[in-house]
Each structure stands twice: as structure tokens, then as C-alpha cells.
Amino acid sequence: MATIAGFFRDGDNRIRPITGRTHKPLKQYIIPVNKVRLPHPTFAKRPLFFQDGTTVQLGVLDKQNGEIANPVPIAEIHTKDLTRSYDSSHSHSTALQRRFAKAGAPDLTPTKLWQRRAMAQRFSGGTVLELFAGKGHLSKQVWAPKANKLVMVDKNQGFLKEAEKEVRYKPHEIHKANNLKWLDKVLPEERIRNLKVVDFDAFGSPAESIRKFFDNHPIDKSMLIAVTDGSCIYMKVGDHKKTREFCRKNYGVQLDGTRLAQVKALDKLLIDLGQKHHFKVEPINAAYGRQTVYAGYKITPK
């Protein structure tokens, strides 16, 4: 009998075993659950997706010291998984920052894809609100298969035209608007029925948008909060005085440009907002991109 080393999904999305007889290259594979020792997520230790060479790895992040325990490979990464068609230079104010970001932003970072997919396993049906919806890559590959409806907001008309094609088969609303203005002007009047997930998928810092959302949407039922935060890059190339003010205003804590510090800042931001708006926060997971961090939370009204 052949030894089973793991499992992979075939073209029909069926799980197949990886055995000693499996020779063809595999795009994605799944390690047996008993080899991925994941504790119940807490603020001290939670699942972390990160890239190591040409694989996405899953381990356990220790927030105290930043160490990643028990990592195992869960997916292969190919060149086509790393396309960067977003020009992110417009989101940076100085010439130095724009040069730093000249390579653009990824269409869908593999670690973010797996982190969001893990979150998507926690709900079914309902509405997903995507802020900074972009071209719809995340919508199509993560949220659309699970949601009954998508509400997508972005200020870039060209991006939204592409997003419309990606989710044409799913009930959806497309809003061309500045995310902050939409949260301030439209959301208070928009009664989003059965809201299950809010995804803050920003190029830079999502902090102001997160605050605006909770200011304008009372939490009366549990939901998932997904966050993308690229503030690390600003900490590295921004003016020191301005970055200190940026941290104070947005997070209430100083950042050192590391991804671990960014995870800690996001935790603090959500906990502070929970105290202000009377909801409980539980971490789900996190992921590391090249400069960006991704995090998932469950919030529940107190």
C-alpha cells in the first residue's frame, strides 16, 4: 500500500492523496491535518501564513517574540501567481516612496489568498462588504463562492469595470466612490442586510477606514473583519517626524517597520474600537506579504 504524504485538489476541486506514485507537478497541496498543529487562535498565538521560497507555509505566530512554530508547506507558488498589475505609486506622497513602490502591488498575494480562504471557511451566505475592492481578484477567488451578495466600493472606475466581469455571476452592488466618503455618507443610510464580512483591503493603512466603519455601523451581530495593512513601507521610507504622528493618530502606538509590529498595532486598534463600540474581538489568523500584513478577526456584540 502506497504511503500518503499529503493531499491535493484536482481540477474538479476534489481532494486526492499524494503518494509515492504521484509524479506530476502539483500546483496546490494540503498537508494532513495531524501534521499542522494549530492551537485555538488567541492574541498570544495564532495561525500565520507566510512565504518561504516557492511555497506558502502555515505555522503558529508567537506574538511575544515573533517566532513561527511548526511551519509546514501548504501550497506551491508559481510565477503566474505573482503578477503585479496594480500601480500603487499614487498612494505614496513622496518621490522616494513612489520609487520604492514602482514595482506595483500584487494582484493577489498567495499568502493573503490562503489567509482569506481560511477566514471564508467560517461563514456561509450573507453579504460581504469589500472596501478598496480593486479589480475583483479577491472577490472572485475568496468571497463570491461563499456569499449571497457582494457590496464592492472603490474610487477607480477602471478597476471596478474589471471587478464587474469577475463577479458577474453573483448578486452584487458596485459603488464608485472614495471609501472614506462612502463610509461617512452612504453607509449610515445603507442598511446592509445580513452583513457577514467586511474586508478592508487597502494599499496603505486601513486604520481610518476601520474607524469610520465602526463609527457608522453599530455592531448588533457577529461578523468577520479582514484587514490588509501596508503601513510597514511608510515606516521605512517616510519622514521620521511624520511617521511618529501617523502612528499616534492611526494606531496609538509607535511602529518600527516590522510586520510583527504591524500585527500588534492592528490588534490594539481592533481592541480599542471594541471597547469604544461595545464588541468583543477574537483573532482568527494572520499572514505576511513582502512588506504587507494581513489579519483576520471575529467580532461579537457584548
C-alpha atoms as a PDB file:
ATOM      1  CA  MET A   1       0.000   0.000   0.000  1.00  0.00           C
ATOM      2  CA  ALA A   2       1.407   3.422  -1.015  1.00  0.00           C
ATOM      3  CA  THR A   3       2.309   5.853   1.758  1.00  0.00           C
ATOM      4  CA  ILE A   4       0.201   9.022   1.807  1.00  0.00           C
ATOM      5  CA  ALA A   5       2.384  12.129   2.198  1.00  0.00           C
ATOM      6  CA  GLY A   6      -0.424  14.656   1.923  1.00  0.00           C
ATOM      7  CA  PHE A   7      -3.391  15.687  -0.210  1.00  0.00           C
ATOM      8  CA  PHE A   8      -4.031  17.997  -3.174  1.00  0.00           C
ATOM      9  CA  ARG A   9      -7.051  19.380  -5.032  1.00  0.00           C
ATOM     10  CA  ASP A  10      -7.511  18.241  -8.624  1.00  0.00           C
ATOM     11  CA  GLY A  11      -9.106  20.199 -11.474  1.00  0.00           C
ATOM     12  CA  ASP A  12     -12.590  19.315 -10.225  1.00  0.00           C
ATOM     13  CA  ASN A  13     -11.740  20.608  -6.731  1.00  0.00           C
ATOM     14  CA  ARG A  14     -11.747  17.081  -5.334  1.00  0.00           C
ATOM     15  CA  ILE A  15      -9.180  16.167  -2.679  1.00  0.00           C
ATOM     16  CA  ARG A  16      -6.744  13.495  -3.856  1.00  0.00           C
ATOM     17  CA  PRO A  17      -3.897  11.807  -1.931  1.00  0.00           C
ATOM     18  CA  ILE A  18      -0.231  12.484  -2.612  1.00  0.00           C
ATOM     19  CA  THR A  19       1.564   9.143  -2.598  1.00  0.00           C
ATOM     20  CA  GLY A  20       4.957   7.864  -3.639  1.00  0.00           C
ATOM     21  CA  ARG A  21       3.384   7.161  -7.031  1.00  0.00           C
ATOM     22  CA  THR A  22       2.406  10.800  -7.606  1.00  0.00           C
ATOM     23  CA  HIS A  23       4.927  12.298 -10.017  1.00  0.00           C
ATOM     24  CA  LYS A  24       3.314  15.168 -11.914  1.00  0.00           C
ATOM     25  CA  PRO A  25       3.883  18.724 -10.584  1.00  0.00           C
ATOM     26  CA  LEU A  26       1.180  19.885  -8.190  1.00  0.00           C
ATOM     27  CA  LYS A  27       0.017  23.479  -8.046  1.00  0.00           C
ATOM     28  CA  GLN A  28      -1.548  23.158  -4.603  1.00  0.00           C
ATOM     29  CA  TYR A  29      -1.259  20.536  -1.946  1.00  0.00           C
ATOM     30  CA  ILE A  30      -2.614  20.065   1.541  1.00  0.00           C
ATOM     31  CA  ILE A  31      -0.628  18.546   4.394  1.00  0.00           C
ATOM     32  CA  PRO A  32      -2.608  16.139   6.602  1.00  0.00           C
ATOM     33  CA  VAL A  33      -4.316  17.958   9.444  1.00  0.00           C
ATOM     34  CA  ASN A  34      -2.466  15.985  12.104  1.00  0.00           C
ATOM     35  CA  LYS A  35       0.804  17.499  10.869  1.00  0.00           C
ATOM     36  CA  VAL A  36      -0.458  21.077  11.223  1.00  0.00           C
ATOM     37  CA  ARG A  37      -0.598  21.625  14.977  1.00  0.00           C
ATOM     38  CA  LEU A  38      -2.686  24.768  15.280  1.00  0.00           C
ATOM     39  CA  PRO A  39      -3.807  25.931  18.725  1.00  0.00           C
ATOM     40  CA  HIS A  40      -7.062  27.757  19.264  1.00  0.00           C
ATOM     41  CA  PRO A  41      -6.313  31.283  17.965  1.00  0.00           C
ATOM     42  CA  THR A  42      -5.510  33.808  20.678  1.00  0.00           C
ATOM     43  CA  PHE A  43      -3.815  37.187  20.687  1.00  0.00           C
ATOM     44  CA  ALA A  44      -0.709  35.414  22.002  1.00  0.00           C
ATOM     45  CA  LYS A  45      -0.592  32.658  19.359  1.00  0.00           C
ATOM     46  CA  ARG A  46      -2.464  32.343  16.098  1.00  0.00           C
ATOM     47  CA  PRO A  47      -2.100  30.655  12.672  1.00  0.00           C
ATOM     48  CA  LEU A  48       0.260  32.528  10.332  1.00  0.00           C
ATOM     49  CA  PHE A  49       0.623  32.112   6.572  1.00  0.00           C
ATOM     50  CA  PHE A  50       3.971  33.170   5.116  1.00  0.00           C
ATOM     51  CA  GLN A  51       6.104  32.599   2.037  1.00  0.00           C
ATOM     52  CA  ASP A  52       9.280  30.547   2.142  1.00  0.00           C
ATOM     53  CA  GLY A  53      10.926  30.249  -1.252  1.00  0.00           C
ATOM     54  CA  THR A  54       8.356  28.862  -3.657  1.00  0.00           C
ATOM     55  CA  THR A  55       5.840  27.660  -1.067  1.00  0.00           C
ATOM     56  CA  VAL A  56       3.177  29.125   1.169  1.00  0.00           C
ATOM     57  CA  GLN A  57       3.823  27.892   4.687  1.00  0.00           C
ATOM     58  CA  LEU A  58       1.441  27.672   7.639  1.00  0.00           C
ATOM     59  CA  GLY A  59       2.742  27.919  11.195  1.00  0.00           C
ATOM     60  CA  VAL A  60       1.887  29.426  14.562  1.00  0.00           C
ATOM     61  CA  LEU A  61       2.916  33.028  15.277  1.00  0.00           C
ATOM     62  CA  ASP A  62       4.063  33.792  18.813  1.00  0.00           C
ATOM     63  CA  LYS A  63       3.231  37.486  19.175  1.00  0.00           C
ATOM     64  CA  GLN A  64       5.552  37.928  22.138  1.00  0.00           C
ATOM     65  CA  ASN A  65       8.798  37.081  20.341  1.00  0.00           C
ATOM     66  CA  GLY A  66       7.732  36.870  16.693  1.00  0.00           C
ATOM     67  CA  GLU A  67       8.803  33.244  16.308  1.00  0.00           C
ATOM     68  CA  ILE A  68       6.871  30.951  13.967  1.00  0.00           C
ATOM     69  CA  ALA A  69       6.412  27.423  15.315  1.00  0.00           C
ATOM     70  CA  ASN A  70       5.693  24.163  13.471  1.00  0.00           C
ATOM     71  CA  PRO A  71       5.663  25.556   9.901  1.00  0.00           C
ATOM     72  CA  VAL A  72       4.537  23.216   7.115  1.00  0.00           C
ATOM     73  CA  PRO A  73       4.194  23.859   3.352  1.00  0.00           C
ATOM     74  CA  ILE A  74       0.601  24.021   2.165  1.00  0.00           C
ATOM     75  CA  ALA A  75       0.828  25.393  -1.393  1.00  0.00           C
ATOM     76  CA  GLU A  76       3.289  25.834  -4.224  1.00  0.00           C
ATOM     77  CA  ILE A  77       3.814  29.291  -5.739  1.00  0.00           C
ATOM     78  CA  HIS A  78       4.276  29.754  -9.486  1.00  0.00           C
ATOM     79  CA  THR A  79       5.315  32.821 -11.465  1.00  0.00           C
ATOM     80  CA  LYS A  80       1.778  33.420 -12.669  1.00  0.00           C
ATOM     81  CA  ASP A  81       0.652  33.635  -9.035  1.00  0.00           C
ATOM     82  CA  LEU A  82       2.824  36.732  -8.552  1.00  0.00           C
ATOM     83  CA  THR A  83       1.531  39.147 -11.222  1.00  0.00           C
ATOM     84  CA  ARG A  84       1.631  42.815 -10.195  1.00  0.00           C
ATOM     85  CA  SER A  85      -0.788  44.811 -12.360  1.00  0.00           C
ATOM     86  CA  TYR A  86      -1.686  47.417  -9.702  1.00  0.00           C
ATOM     87  CA  ASP A  87       0.229  50.697  -9.805  1.00  0.00           C
ATOM     88  CA  SER A  88       0.487  51.598  -6.122  1.00  0.00           C
ATOM     89  CA  SER A  89       2.740  54.641  -6.551  1.00  0.00           C
ATOM     90  CA  HIS A  90      -0.251  57.003  -6.390  1.00  0.00           C
ATOM     91  CA  SER A  91      -0.819  56.030  -2.764  1.00  0.00           C
ATOM     92  CA  HIS A  92       2.586  57.351  -1.696  1.00  0.00           C
ATOM     93  CA  SER A  93       3.144  61.041  -1.238  1.00  0.00           C
ATOM     94  CA  THR A  94       6.896  61.480  -1.712  1.00  0.00           C
ATOM     95  CA  ALA A  95       9.145  60.705  -4.670  1.00  0.00           C
ATOM     96  CA  LEU A  96      11.169  58.286  -2.530  1.00  0.00           C
ATOM     97  CA  GLN A  97       8.060  56.365  -1.543  1.00  0.00           C
ATOM     98  CA  ARG A  98       6.863  56.252  -5.153  1.00  0.00           C
ATOM     99  CA  ARG A  99      10.202  54.842  -6.309  1.00  0.00           C
ATOM    100  CA  PHE A 100      10.031  52.266  -3.514  1.00  0.00           C
ATOM    101  CA  ALA A 101       6.619  51.163  -4.785  1.00  0.00           C
ATOM    102  CA  LYS A 102       7.368  51.385  -8.504  1.00  0.00           C
ATOM    103  CA  ALA A 103       7.005  47.614  -8.917  1.00  0.00           C
ATOM    104  CA  GLY A 104       3.317  48.000  -8.123  1.00  0.00           C
ATOM    105  CA  ALA A 105       1.114  45.941  -5.858  1.00  0.00           C
ATOM    106  CA  PRO A 106       0.342  42.226  -6.412  1.00  0.00           C
ATOM    107  CA  ASP A 107      -2.936  41.183  -7.999  1.00  0.00           C
ATOM    108  CA  LEU A 108      -3.407  38.683  -5.171  1.00  0.00           C
ATOM    109  CA  THR A 109      -0.538  37.780  -2.851  1.00  0.00           C
ATOM    110  CA  PRO A 110      -0.538  33.974  -2.319  1.00  0.00           C
ATOM    111  CA  THR A 111      -0.281  34.286   1.472  1.00  0.00           C
ATOM    112  CA  LYS A 112      -3.243  36.670   1.511  1.00  0.00           C
ATOM    113  CA  LEU A 113      -5.230  34.276  -0.671  1.00  0.00           C
ATOM    114  CA  TRP A 114      -4.743  31.424   1.807  1.00  0.00           C
ATOM    115  CA  GLN A 115      -5.314  33.628   4.859  1.00  0.00           C
ATOM    116  CA  ARG A 116      -8.599  34.925   3.433  1.00  0.00           C
ATOM    117  CA  ARG A 117      -9.632  31.436   2.308  1.00  0.00           C
ATOM    118  CA  ALA A 118      -9.178  30.210   5.878  1.00  0.00           C
ATOM    119  CA  MET A 119     -11.446  33.031   7.044  1.00  0.00           C
ATOM    120  CA  ALA A 120     -14.042  32.206   4.394  1.00  0.00           C
ATOM    121  CA  GLN A 121     -14.442  28.722   5.878  1.00  0.00           C
ATOM    122  CA  ARG A 122     -16.037  30.378   8.914  1.00  0.00           C
ATOM    123  CA  PHE A 123     -19.202  31.640   7.219  1.00  0.00           C
ATOM    124  CA  SER A 124     -21.722  30.795   4.528  1.00  0.00           C
ATOM    125  CA  GLY A 125     -24.278  33.057   2.896  1.00  0.00           C
ATOM    126  CA  GLY A 126     -24.978  36.660   3.759  1.00  0.00           C
ATOM    127  CA  THR A 127     -23.329  39.807   2.392  1.00  0.00           C
ATOM    128  CA  VAL A 128     -19.645  40.671   2.088  1.00  0.00           C
ATOM    129  CA  LEU A 129     -18.623  44.345   2.028  1.00  0.00           C
ATOM    130  CA  GLU A 130     -15.329  44.905   0.222  1.00  0.00           C
ATOM    131  CA  LEU A 131     -13.685  48.280   0.642  1.00  0.00           C
ATOM    132  CA  PHE A 132     -10.822  49.060  -1.762  1.00  0.00           C
ATOM    133  CA  ALA A 133     -12.360  46.337  -3.933  1.00  0.00           C
ATOM    134  CA  GLY A 134      -9.912  46.878  -6.804  1.00  0.00           C
ATOM    135  CA  LYS A 135     -10.168  44.565  -9.795  1.00  0.00           C
ATOM    136  CA  GLY A 136     -12.116  41.833  -8.048  1.00  0.00           C
ATOM    137  CA  HIS A 137      -9.409  39.160  -7.728  1.00  0.00           C
ATOM    138  CA  LEU A 138     -10.143  38.635  -4.036  1.00  0.00           C
ATOM    139  CA  SER A 139     -13.883  38.823  -4.696  1.00  0.00           C
ATOM    140  CA  LYS A 140     -13.802  36.065  -7.274  1.00  0.00           C
ATOM    141  CA  GLN A 141     -11.397  33.665  -5.588  1.00  0.00           C
ATOM    142  CA  VAL A 142     -12.456  34.005  -1.946  1.00  0.00           C
ATOM    143  CA  TRP A 143     -15.718  35.765  -1.121  1.00  0.00           C
ATOM    144  CA  ALA A 144     -18.017  35.165  -4.111  1.00  0.00           C
ATOM    145  CA  PRO A 145     -18.198  31.363  -3.659  1.00  0.00           C
ATOM    146  CA  LYS A 146     -19.317  31.784  -0.026  1.00  0.00           C
ATOM    147  CA  ALA A 147     -21.505  34.914  -0.025  1.00  0.00           C
ATOM    148  CA  ASN A 148     -25.037  35.506  -1.247  1.00  0.00           C
ATOM    149  CA  LYS A 149     -24.163  39.068  -2.241  1.00  0.00           C
ATOM    150  CA  LEU A 150     -21.127  41.342  -2.625  1.00  0.00           C
ATOM    151  CA  VAL A 151     -21.033  45.098  -1.991  1.00  0.00           C
ATOM    152  CA  MET A 152     -17.869  46.488  -3.596  1.00  0.00           C
ATOM    153  CA  VAL A 153     -16.506  50.012  -3.145  1.00  0.00           C
ATOM    154  CA  ASP A 154     -13.564  51.615  -4.954  1.00  0.00           C
ATOM    155  CA  LYS A 155     -12.804  55.033  -6.423  1.00  0.00           C
ATOM    156  CA  ASN A 156     -11.116  53.670  -9.574  1.00  0.00           C
ATOM    157  CA  GLN A 157     -13.637  53.207 -12.378  1.00  0.00           C
ATOM    158  CA  GLY A 158     -11.227  51.118 -14.451  1.00  0.00           C
ATOM    159  CA  PHE A 159     -10.672  48.690 -11.595  1.00  0.00           C
ATOM    160  CA  LEU A 160     -14.403  48.368 -10.998  1.00  0.00           C
ATOM    161  CA  LYS A 161     -15.076  47.528 -14.648  1.00  0.00           C
ATOM    162  CA  GLU A 162     -12.732  44.567 -14.301  1.00  0.00           C
ATOM    163  CA  ALA A 163     -14.285  43.623 -10.963  1.00  0.00           C
ATOM    164  CA  GLU A 164     -17.745  43.637 -12.561  1.00  0.00           C
ATOM    165  CA  LYS A 165     -16.600  40.963 -15.013  1.00  0.00           C
ATOM    166  CA  GLU A 166     -15.142  38.841 -12.224  1.00  0.00           C
ATOM    167  CA  VAL A 167     -18.380  38.709 -10.181  1.00  0.00           C
ATOM    168  CA  ARG A 168     -20.999  38.983 -12.930  1.00  0.00           C
ATOM    169  CA  TYR A 169     -22.457  35.595 -11.933  1.00  0.00           C
ATOM    170  CA  LYS A 170     -23.002  36.680  -8.291  1.00  0.00           C
ATOM    171  CA  PRO A 171     -25.560  39.232  -6.964  1.00  0.00           C
ATOM    172  CA  HIS A 172     -23.590  42.391  -6.280  1.00  0.00           C
ATOM    173  CA  GLU A 173     -23.535  46.162  -5.932  1.00  0.00           C
ATOM    174  CA  ILE A 174     -20.711  48.273  -7.354  1.00  0.00           C
ATOM    175  CA  HIS A 175     -20.065  51.704  -5.818  1.00  0.00           C
ATOM    176  CA  LYS A 176     -17.599  54.094  -7.465  1.00  0.00           C
ATOM    177  CA  ALA A 177     -16.639  56.261  -4.510  1.00  0.00           C
ATOM    178  CA  ASN A 178     -13.889  57.276  -2.158  1.00  0.00           C
ATOM    179  CA  ASN A 179     -14.029  54.638   0.576  1.00  0.00           C
ATOM    180  CA  LEU A 180     -13.910  57.133   3.454  1.00  0.00           C
ATOM    181  CA  LYS A 181     -16.633  59.311   1.948  1.00  0.00           C
ATOM    182  CA  TRP A 182     -18.786  56.267   1.236  1.00  0.00           C
ATOM    183  CA  LEU A 183     -18.404  55.090   4.834  1.00  0.00           C
ATOM    184  CA  ASP A 184     -19.333  58.545   6.105  1.00  0.00           C
ATOM    185  CA  LYS A 185     -22.118  59.498   3.709  1.00  0.00           C
ATOM    186  CA  VAL A 186     -23.634  56.287   2.363  1.00  0.00           C
ATOM    187  CA  LEU A 187     -23.102  53.570   4.966  1.00  0.00           C
ATOM    188  CA  PRO A 188     -25.229  55.243   7.693  1.00  0.00           C
ATOM    189  CA  GLU A 189     -28.184  55.194   5.293  1.00  0.00           C
ATOM    190  CA  GLU A 190     -27.297  51.870   3.689  1.00  0.00           C
ATOM    191  CA  ARG A 191     -28.932  49.070   5.624  1.00  0.00           C
ATOM    192  CA  ILE A 192     -26.700  46.195   4.537  1.00  0.00           C
ATOM    193  CA  ARG A 193     -28.779  43.101   5.106  1.00  0.00           C
ATOM    194  CA  ASN A 194     -27.144  40.147   6.836  1.00  0.00           C
ATOM    195  CA  LEU A 195     -23.602  41.579   6.732  1.00  0.00           C
ATOM    196  CA  LYS A 196     -21.193  38.705   7.435  1.00  0.00           C
ATOM    197  CA  VAL A 197     -17.767  40.022   6.383  1.00  0.00           C
ATOM    198  CA  VAL A 198     -16.084  43.393   5.945  1.00  0.00           C
ATOM    199  CA  ASP A 199     -12.784  43.322   4.047  1.00  0.00           C
ATOM    200  CA  PHE A 200     -10.532  46.394   4.396  1.00  0.00           C
ATOM    201  CA  ASP A 201      -8.133  45.593   1.540  1.00  0.00           C
ATOM    202  CA  ALA A 202      -6.197  48.860   1.424  1.00  0.00           C
ATOM    203  CA  PHE A 203      -2.926  49.615  -0.375  1.00  0.00           C
ATOM    204  CA  GLY A 204      -1.638  51.635   2.605  1.00  0.00           C
ATOM    205  CA  SER A 205      -3.094  51.978   6.086  1.00  0.00           C
ATOM    206  CA  PRO A 206      -6.714  50.852   6.606  1.00  0.00           C
ATOM    207  CA  ALA A 207      -6.913  52.421  10.086  1.00  0.00           C
ATOM    208  CA  GLU A 208      -9.030  55.459   9.183  1.00  0.00           C
ATOM    209  CA  SER A 209     -11.468  53.346   7.159  1.00  0.00           C
ATOM    210  CA  ILE A 210     -11.816  50.875  10.022  1.00  0.00           C
ATOM    211  CA  ARG A 211     -12.630  53.684  12.434  1.00  0.00           C
ATOM    212  CA  LYS A 212     -15.163  55.178  10.005  1.00  0.00           C
ATOM    213  CA  PHE A 213     -16.905  51.843   9.572  1.00  0.00           C
ATOM    214  CA  PHE A 214     -17.428  51.285  13.283  1.00  0.00           C
ATOM    215  CA  ASP A 215     -18.474  54.919  13.790  1.00  0.00           C
ATOM    216  CA  ASN A 216     -21.235  54.450  11.225  1.00  0.00           C
ATOM    217  CA  HIS A 217     -22.303  50.819  11.626  1.00  0.00           C
ATOM    218  CA  PRO A 218     -23.459  49.617  15.079  1.00  0.00           C
ATOM    219  CA  ILE A 219     -22.470  46.020  15.776  1.00  0.00           C
ATOM    220  CA  ASP A 220     -25.559  44.014  16.667  1.00  0.00           C
ATOM    221  CA  LYS A 221     -24.431  40.598  15.423  1.00  0.00           C
ATOM    222  CA  SER A 222     -21.226  38.648  14.914  1.00  0.00           C
ATOM    223  CA  MET A 223     -19.178  39.211  11.766  1.00  0.00           C
ATOM    224  CA  LEU A 224     -15.700  38.712  10.347  1.00  0.00           C
ATOM    225  CA  ILE A 225     -13.219  41.539   9.781  1.00  0.00           C
ATOM    226  CA  ALA A 226     -10.410  41.073   7.237  1.00  0.00           C
ATOM    227  CA  VAL A 227      -7.594  43.619   7.079  1.00  0.00           C
ATOM    228  CA  THR A 228      -4.720  44.421   4.722  1.00  0.00           C
ATOM    229  CA  ASP A 229      -2.135  46.840   6.125  1.00  0.00           C
ATOM    230  CA  GLY A 230       0.863  48.136   4.170  1.00  0.00           C
ATOM    231  CA  SER A 231       1.997  50.738   6.695  1.00  0.00           C
ATOM    232  CA  CYS A 232       5.350  48.945   7.127  1.00  0.00           C
ATOM    233  CA  ILE A 233       6.644  50.536   3.945  1.00  0.00           C
ATOM    234  CA  TYR A 234       5.803  54.050   5.196  1.00  0.00           C
ATOM    235  CA  MET A 235       7.681  53.378   8.423  1.00  0.00           C
ATOM    236  CA  LYS A 236      10.790  52.553   6.386  1.00  0.00           C
ATOM    237  CA  VAL A 237      10.796  55.402   3.863  1.00  0.00           C
ATOM    238  CA  GLY A 238       8.711  58.157   5.479  1.00  0.00           C
ATOM    239  CA  ASP A 239       9.891  61.249   7.318  1.00  0.00           C
ATOM    240  CA  HIS A 240      10.576  60.286  10.956  1.00  0.00           C
ATOM    241  CA  LYS A 241       8.558  63.113  12.492  1.00  0.00           C
ATOM    242  CA  LYS A 242       5.609  62.482  10.191  1.00  0.00           C
ATOM    243  CA  THR A 243       5.646  58.730  10.733  1.00  0.00           C
ATOM    244  CA  ARG A 244       5.540  59.210  14.516  1.00  0.00           C
ATOM    245  CA  GLU A 245       2.475  61.443  14.128  1.00  0.00           C
ATOM    246  CA  PHE A 246       0.959  58.932  11.698  1.00  0.00           C
ATOM    247  CA  CYS A 247       1.365  56.127  14.264  1.00  0.00           C
ATOM    248  CA  ARG A 248      -0.048  58.199  17.105  1.00  0.00           C
ATOM    249  CA  LYS A 249      -3.083  59.259  15.097  1.00  0.00           C
ATOM    250  CA  ASN A 250      -3.883  55.922  13.463  1.00  0.00           C
ATOM    251  CA  TYR A 251      -2.764  53.252  15.927  1.00  0.00           C
ATOM    252  CA  GLY A 252      -1.920  54.873  19.251  1.00  0.00           C
ATOM    253  CA  VAL A 253       1.393  53.010  19.300  1.00  0.00           C
ATOM    254  CA  GLN A 254       4.762  53.505  17.601  1.00  0.00           C
ATOM    255  CA  LEU A 255       5.755  51.132  14.792  1.00  0.00           C
ATOM    256  CA  ASP A 256       9.257  50.043  13.818  1.00  0.00           C
ATOM    257  CA  GLY A 257       8.572  48.958  10.232  1.00  0.00           C
ATOM    258  CA  THR A 258       8.397  45.233  11.002  1.00  0.00           C
ATOM    259  CA  ARG A 259       5.442  43.075  10.108  1.00  0.00           C
ATOM    260  CA  LEU A 260       5.200  41.798  13.684  1.00  0.00           C
ATOM    261  CA  ALA A 261       4.812  45.366  14.974  1.00  0.00           C
ATOM    262  CA  GLN A 262       2.073  45.897  12.390  1.00  0.00           C
ATOM    263  CA  VAL A 263       0.142  42.850  13.610  1.00  0.00           C
ATOM    264  CA  LYS A 264       0.405  44.148  17.178  1.00  0.00           C
ATOM    265  CA  ALA A 265      -0.815  47.582  16.061  1.00  0.00           C
ATOM    266  CA  LEU A 266      -3.838  46.091  14.296  1.00  0.00           C
ATOM    267  CA  ASP A 267      -4.677  44.034  17.377  1.00  0.00           C
ATOM    268  CA  LYS A 268      -4.570  47.172  19.526  1.00  0.00           C
ATOM    269  CA  LEU A 269      -6.675  49.127  17.040  1.00  0.00           C
ATOM    270  CA  LEU A 270      -9.436  46.487  16.977  1.00  0.00           C
ATOM    271  CA  ILE A 271      -9.384  46.006  20.756  1.00  0.00           C
ATOM    272  CA  ASP A 272      -9.605  49.785  21.349  1.00  0.00           C
ATOM    273  CA  LEU A 273     -12.503  50.068  18.913  1.00  0.00           C
ATOM    274  CA  GLY A 274     -14.223  47.129  20.587  1.00  0.00           C
ATOM    275  CA  GLN A 275     -14.083  48.921  23.924  1.00  0.00           C
ATOM    276  CA  LYS A 276     -15.449  52.095  22.353  1.00  0.00           C
ATOM    277  CA  HIS A 277     -18.232  50.451  20.342  1.00  0.00           C
ATOM    278  CA  HIS A 278     -19.058  47.569  22.712  1.00  0.00           C
ATOM    279  CA  PHE A 279     -17.961  44.495  20.833  1.00  0.00           C
ATOM    280  CA  LYS A 280     -15.625  41.611  21.631  1.00  0.00           C
ATOM    281  CA  VAL A 281     -12.635  40.870  19.372  1.00  0.00           C
ATOM    282  CA  GLU A 282     -11.161  37.424  18.701  1.00  0.00           C
ATOM    283  CA  PRO A 283      -8.171  36.878  16.371  1.00  0.00           C
ATOM    284  CA  ILE A 284      -8.554  34.288  13.620  1.00  0.00           C
ATOM    285  CA  ASN A 285      -5.244  34.297  11.772  1.00  0.00           C
ATOM    286  CA  ALA A 286      -2.603  36.469  10.095  1.00  0.00           C
ATOM    287  CA  ALA A 287      -0.305  36.394   7.062  1.00  0.00           C
ATOM    288  CA  TYR A 288       2.896  38.075   5.940  1.00  0.00           C
ATOM    289  CA  GLY A 289       3.420  39.528   2.483  1.00  0.00           C
ATOM    290  CA  ARG A 290       6.690  41.088   1.303  1.00  0.00           C
ATOM    291  CA  GLN A 291       6.005  44.340   3.173  1.00  0.00           C
ATOM    292  CA  THR A 292       2.325  43.965   3.992  1.00  0.00           C
ATOM    293  CA  VAL A 293       0.473  42.132   6.737  1.00  0.00           C
ATOM    294  CA  TYR A 294      -2.953  40.521   6.554  1.00  0.00           C
ATOM    295  CA  ALA A 295      -5.112  39.771   9.580  1.00  0.00           C
ATOM    296  CA  GLY A 296      -8.485  38.253  10.353  1.00  0.00           C
ATOM    297  CA  TYR A 297     -10.781  38.813  13.340  1.00  0.00           C
ATOM    298  CA  LYS A 298     -14.194  37.782  14.576  1.00  0.00           C
ATOM    299  CA  ILE A 299     -16.205  40.457  16.354  1.00  0.00           C
ATOM    300  CA  THR A 300     -19.223  39.819  18.554  1.00  0.00           C
ATOM    301  CA  PRO A 301     -21.511  42.351  20.256  1.00  0.00           C
ATOM    302  CA  LYS A 302     -21.151  42.481  24.040  1.00  0.00           C
END
